[in-house]
Amino acid sequence: MTRHACPYCTSDDIGVIDVLGKIYAVGCRSCGMTGPQESTVEAAETAWNGLCLKICSHCISRPWGKAMAKRMRDLAQAAGAEH
């Protein structure tokens, strides 16, 4: 499974954190961000990639990513117009 770059700092220096072989999470070695804790490596990777929906460079290139980015821009503009 491809692990997406860190959605916080965009670093590709990420790895799996293993706590006594019972709890797993994916974490960024650059900024220290960690993903949700899960009971398997695969579930931890899936959860980490779910964080990617925050619009990382990998996902923004996908059609659904472009649609999400447009929606976020629209929301930001609407919020700015209210102030």
N, C-alpha and C. Protein backbone atom coordinates (compact mmCIF):
# COMPACT_ATOMS: atom_id res chain seq x y z
N MET A 1 0.85 -1.18 0.00
CA MET A 1 0.00 0.00 0.00
C MET A 1 0.89 1.24 0.00
N THR A 2 0.53 2.19 -0.82
CA THR A 2 1.24 3.46 -0.85
C THR A 2 0.86 4.29 0.36
N ARG A 3 1.84 4.78 1.07
CA ARG A 3 1.57 5.70 2.18
C ARG A 3 1.72 7.12 1.65
N HIS A 4 0.72 7.91 1.84
CA HIS A 4 0.75 9.27 1.36
C HIS A 4 1.71 10.11 2.20
N ALA A 5 2.16 11.20 1.63
CA ALA A 5 3.02 12.14 2.35
C ALA A 5 2.27 12.71 3.55
N CYS A 6 3.02 13.27 4.46
CA CYS A 6 2.41 13.86 5.66
C CYS A 6 1.46 14.98 5.26
N PRO A 7 0.21 14.93 5.70
CA PRO A 7 -0.74 15.98 5.33
C PRO A 7 -0.46 17.30 6.05
N TYR A 8 0.42 17.26 7.06
CA TYR A 8 0.73 18.47 7.81
C TYR A 8 1.93 19.20 7.22
N CYS A 9 3.06 18.47 7.04
CA CYS A 9 4.28 19.13 6.55
C CYS A 9 4.68 18.69 5.15
N THR A 10 3.97 17.75 4.55
CA THR A 10 4.18 17.21 3.20
C THR A 10 5.45 16.36 3.06
N SER A 11 6.10 16.00 4.15
CA SER A 11 7.30 15.16 4.09
C SER A 11 6.94 13.74 3.67
N ASP A 12 7.85 13.13 2.93
CA ASP A 12 7.70 11.72 2.56
C ASP A 12 8.41 10.80 3.55
N ASP A 13 9.05 11.38 4.56
CA ASP A 13 9.81 10.59 5.55
C ASP A 13 8.85 10.11 6.64
N ILE A 14 8.10 9.06 6.32
CA ILE A 14 7.10 8.52 7.24
C ILE A 14 7.37 7.04 7.48
N GLY A 15 6.84 6.51 8.55
CA GLY A 15 7.03 5.10 8.86
C GLY A 15 5.96 4.60 9.81
N VAL A 16 5.99 3.29 10.05
CA VAL A 16 5.01 2.67 10.92
C VAL A 16 5.55 2.66 12.35
N ILE A 17 4.71 3.05 13.27
CA ILE A 17 5.03 2.99 14.70
C ILE A 17 4.37 1.73 15.23
N ASP A 18 5.16 0.89 15.88
CA ASP A 18 4.69 -0.39 16.42
C ASP A 18 4.82 -0.34 17.94
N VAL A 19 3.69 -0.42 18.63
CA VAL A 19 3.71 -0.42 20.10
C VAL A 19 3.45 -1.84 20.59
N LEU A 20 4.54 -2.52 20.93
CA LEU A 20 4.48 -3.89 21.46
C LEU A 20 3.72 -4.87 20.58
N GLY A 21 3.70 -4.62 19.28
CA GLY A 21 3.01 -5.51 18.36
C GLY A 21 1.51 -5.57 18.54
N LYS A 22 0.95 -4.58 19.22
CA LYS A 22 -0.50 -4.58 19.47
C LYS A 22 -1.20 -3.36 18.90
N ILE A 23 -0.48 -2.27 18.81
CA ILE A 23 -1.06 -1.02 18.30
C ILE A 23 -0.11 -0.47 17.25
N TYR A 24 -0.66 -0.01 16.14
CA TYR A 24 0.13 0.52 15.06
C TYR A 24 -0.40 1.89 14.65
N ALA A 25 0.50 2.72 14.16
CA ALA A 25 0.13 4.02 13.60
C ALA A 25 1.21 4.39 12.60
N VAL A 26 0.87 5.24 11.67
CA VAL A 26 1.86 5.78 10.75
C VAL A 26 2.22 7.16 11.27
N GLY A 27 3.51 7.47 11.25
CA GLY A 27 3.95 8.76 11.75
C GLY A 27 4.96 9.41 10.84
N CYS A 28 5.06 10.71 10.95
CA CYS A 28 6.01 11.50 10.16
C CYS A 28 7.27 11.73 10.98
N ARG A 29 8.39 11.38 10.41
CA ARG A 29 9.67 11.56 11.10
C ARG A 29 10.12 13.02 11.08
N SER A 30 9.55 13.82 10.20
CA SER A 30 9.97 15.22 10.09
C SER A 30 9.28 16.12 11.12
N CYS A 31 7.97 16.00 11.22
CA CYS A 31 7.24 16.92 12.12
C CYS A 31 6.66 16.23 13.34
N GLY A 32 6.62 14.88 13.34
CA GLY A 32 6.11 14.16 14.49
C GLY A 32 4.62 13.87 14.46
N MET A 33 3.93 14.29 13.42
CA MET A 33 2.50 14.00 13.33
C MET A 33 2.30 12.49 13.25
N THR A 34 1.29 11.98 13.95
CA THR A 34 0.95 10.57 13.86
C THR A 34 -0.51 10.41 13.48
N GLY A 35 -0.77 9.32 12.79
CA GLY A 35 -2.13 9.01 12.40
C GLY A 35 -2.85 8.24 13.49
N PRO A 36 -4.08 7.87 13.19
CA PRO A 36 -4.87 7.12 14.16
C PRO A 36 -4.23 5.77 14.52
N GLN A 37 -4.42 5.34 15.74
CA GLN A 37 -3.91 4.05 16.19
C GLN A 37 -4.89 2.96 15.77
N GLU A 38 -4.32 1.86 15.26
CA GLU A 38 -5.14 0.74 14.78
C GLU A 38 -4.52 -0.57 15.25
N SER A 39 -5.25 -1.66 15.09
CA SER A 39 -4.79 -2.97 15.56
C SER A 39 -3.94 -3.72 14.54
N THR A 40 -3.87 -3.24 13.28
CA THR A 40 -3.03 -3.85 12.26
C THR A 40 -2.30 -2.76 11.49
N VAL A 41 -1.17 -3.15 10.88
CA VAL A 41 -0.41 -2.19 10.06
C VAL A 41 -1.27 -1.71 8.90
N GLU A 42 -1.99 -2.63 8.27
CA GLU A 42 -2.81 -2.26 7.11
C GLU A 42 -3.88 -1.25 7.50
N ALA A 43 -4.52 -1.46 8.63
CA ALA A 43 -5.56 -0.52 9.08
C ALA A 43 -4.94 0.83 9.42
N ALA A 44 -3.74 0.83 9.99
CA ALA A 44 -3.05 2.08 10.31
C ALA A 44 -2.70 2.85 9.03
N GLU A 45 -2.24 2.12 8.00
CA GLU A 45 -1.93 2.77 6.72
C GLU A 45 -3.18 3.34 6.08
N THR A 46 -4.27 2.61 6.14
CA THR A 46 -5.54 3.09 5.59
C THR A 46 -6.00 4.34 6.33
N ALA A 47 -5.87 4.33 7.64
CA ALA A 47 -6.28 5.49 8.45
C ALA A 47 -5.39 6.69 8.14
N TRP A 48 -4.10 6.46 7.99
CA TRP A 48 -3.16 7.54 7.64
C TRP A 48 -3.54 8.13 6.29
N ASN A 49 -3.80 7.27 5.32
CA ASN A 49 -4.16 7.76 3.99
C ASN A 49 -5.48 8.51 4.03
N GLY A 50 -6.36 8.20 4.99
CA GLY A 50 -7.60 8.95 5.16
C GLY A 50 -7.34 10.38 5.56
N LEU A 51 -6.23 10.61 6.28
CA LEU A 51 -5.85 11.97 6.64
C LEU A 51 -5.48 12.78 5.41
N CYS A 52 -5.10 12.06 4.37
CA CYS A 52 -4.68 12.68 3.13
C CYS A 52 -5.82 13.48 2.50
N LEU A 53 -7.02 13.23 2.90
CA LEU A 53 -8.16 13.98 2.36
C LEU A 53 -8.07 15.45 2.71
N LYS A 54 -7.04 15.83 3.46
CA LYS A 54 -6.79 17.23 3.77
C LYS A 54 -6.12 17.93 2.60
N ILE A 55 -6.08 17.28 1.45
CA ILE A 55 -5.55 17.81 0.20
C ILE A 55 -4.02 17.81 0.15
N CYS A 56 -3.46 16.63 0.05
CA CYS A 56 -2.02 16.54 -0.18
C CYS A 56 -1.75 16.59 -1.68
N SER A 57 -0.51 16.75 -2.04
CA SER A 57 -0.17 16.89 -3.46
C SER A 57 -0.50 15.63 -4.25
N HIS A 58 -0.48 14.46 -3.61
CA HIS A 58 -0.83 13.21 -4.29
C HIS A 58 -2.31 13.20 -4.66
N CYS A 59 -3.16 13.57 -3.73
CA CYS A 59 -4.60 13.48 -3.96
C CYS A 59 -5.17 14.62 -4.78
N ILE A 60 -4.55 15.78 -4.72
CA ILE A 60 -5.09 16.92 -5.45
C ILE A 60 -5.05 16.67 -6.95
N SER A 61 -4.18 15.76 -7.38
CA SER A 61 -4.09 15.46 -8.80
C SER A 61 -5.21 14.56 -9.29
N ARG A 62 -5.97 13.99 -8.39
CA ARG A 62 -7.08 13.12 -8.77
C ARG A 62 -8.34 13.96 -9.03
N PRO A 63 -9.25 13.50 -9.88
CA PRO A 63 -10.46 14.28 -10.15
C PRO A 63 -11.25 14.62 -8.89
N TRP A 64 -11.39 13.67 -7.97
CA TRP A 64 -12.14 13.98 -6.76
C TRP A 64 -11.38 14.95 -5.88
N GLY A 65 -10.05 14.92 -5.96
CA GLY A 65 -9.24 15.87 -5.19
C GLY A 65 -9.41 17.28 -5.71
N LYS A 66 -9.47 17.42 -7.03
CA LYS A 66 -9.69 18.74 -7.62
C LYS A 66 -11.06 19.28 -7.24
N ALA A 67 -12.05 18.41 -7.22
CA ALA A 67 -13.40 18.83 -6.82
C ALA A 67 -13.42 19.26 -5.36
N MET A 68 -12.69 18.52 -4.51
CA MET A 68 -12.65 18.87 -3.09
C MET A 68 -11.91 20.20 -2.90
N ALA A 69 -10.83 20.40 -3.64
CA ALA A 69 -10.07 21.64 -3.52
C ALA A 69 -10.94 22.83 -3.94
N LYS A 70 -11.72 22.66 -5.00
CA LYS A 70 -12.62 23.73 -5.43
C LYS A 70 -13.66 24.02 -4.36
N ARG A 71 -14.20 22.99 -3.76
CA ARG A 71 -15.20 23.18 -2.69
C ARG A 71 -14.59 23.92 -1.50
N MET A 72 -13.36 23.57 -1.15
CA MET A 72 -12.69 24.23 -0.03
C MET A 72 -12.41 25.70 -0.35
N ARG A 73 -12.00 25.99 -1.59
CA ARG A 73 -11.79 27.39 -1.99
C ARG A 73 -13.09 28.17 -1.91
N ASP A 74 -14.18 27.56 -2.38
CA ASP A 74 -15.49 28.21 -2.33
C ASP A 74 -15.90 28.50 -0.90
N LEU A 75 -15.69 27.55 -0.01
CA LEU A 75 -16.03 27.75 1.40
C LEU A 75 -15.17 28.85 2.03
N ALA A 76 -13.87 28.86 1.69
CA ALA A 76 -12.98 29.89 2.23
C ALA A 76 -13.39 31.27 1.73
N GLN A 77 -13.77 31.38 0.46
CA GLN A 77 -14.20 32.66 -0.10
C GLN A 77 -15.50 33.10 0.55
N ALA A 78 -16.41 32.17 0.77
CA ALA A 78 -17.68 32.51 1.42
C ALA A 78 -17.46 32.98 2.85
N ALA A 79 -16.52 32.34 3.54
CA ALA A 79 -16.22 32.74 4.91
C ALA A 79 -15.57 34.12 4.92
N GLY A 80 -14.71 34.40 3.95
CA GLY A 80 -14.06 35.70 3.86
C GLY A 80 -15.04 36.83 3.54
N ALA A 81 -16.05 36.50 2.75
CA ALA A 81 -17.06 37.50 2.36
C ALA A 81 -17.94 37.88 3.55
N GLU A 82 -18.05 37.02 4.52
CA GLU A 82 -18.89 37.30 5.70
C GLU A 82 -18.22 38.28 6.64
N HIS A 83 -16.89 38.42 6.55
CA HIS A 83 -16.18 39.29 7.51
C HIS A 83 -15.89 40.63 6.94
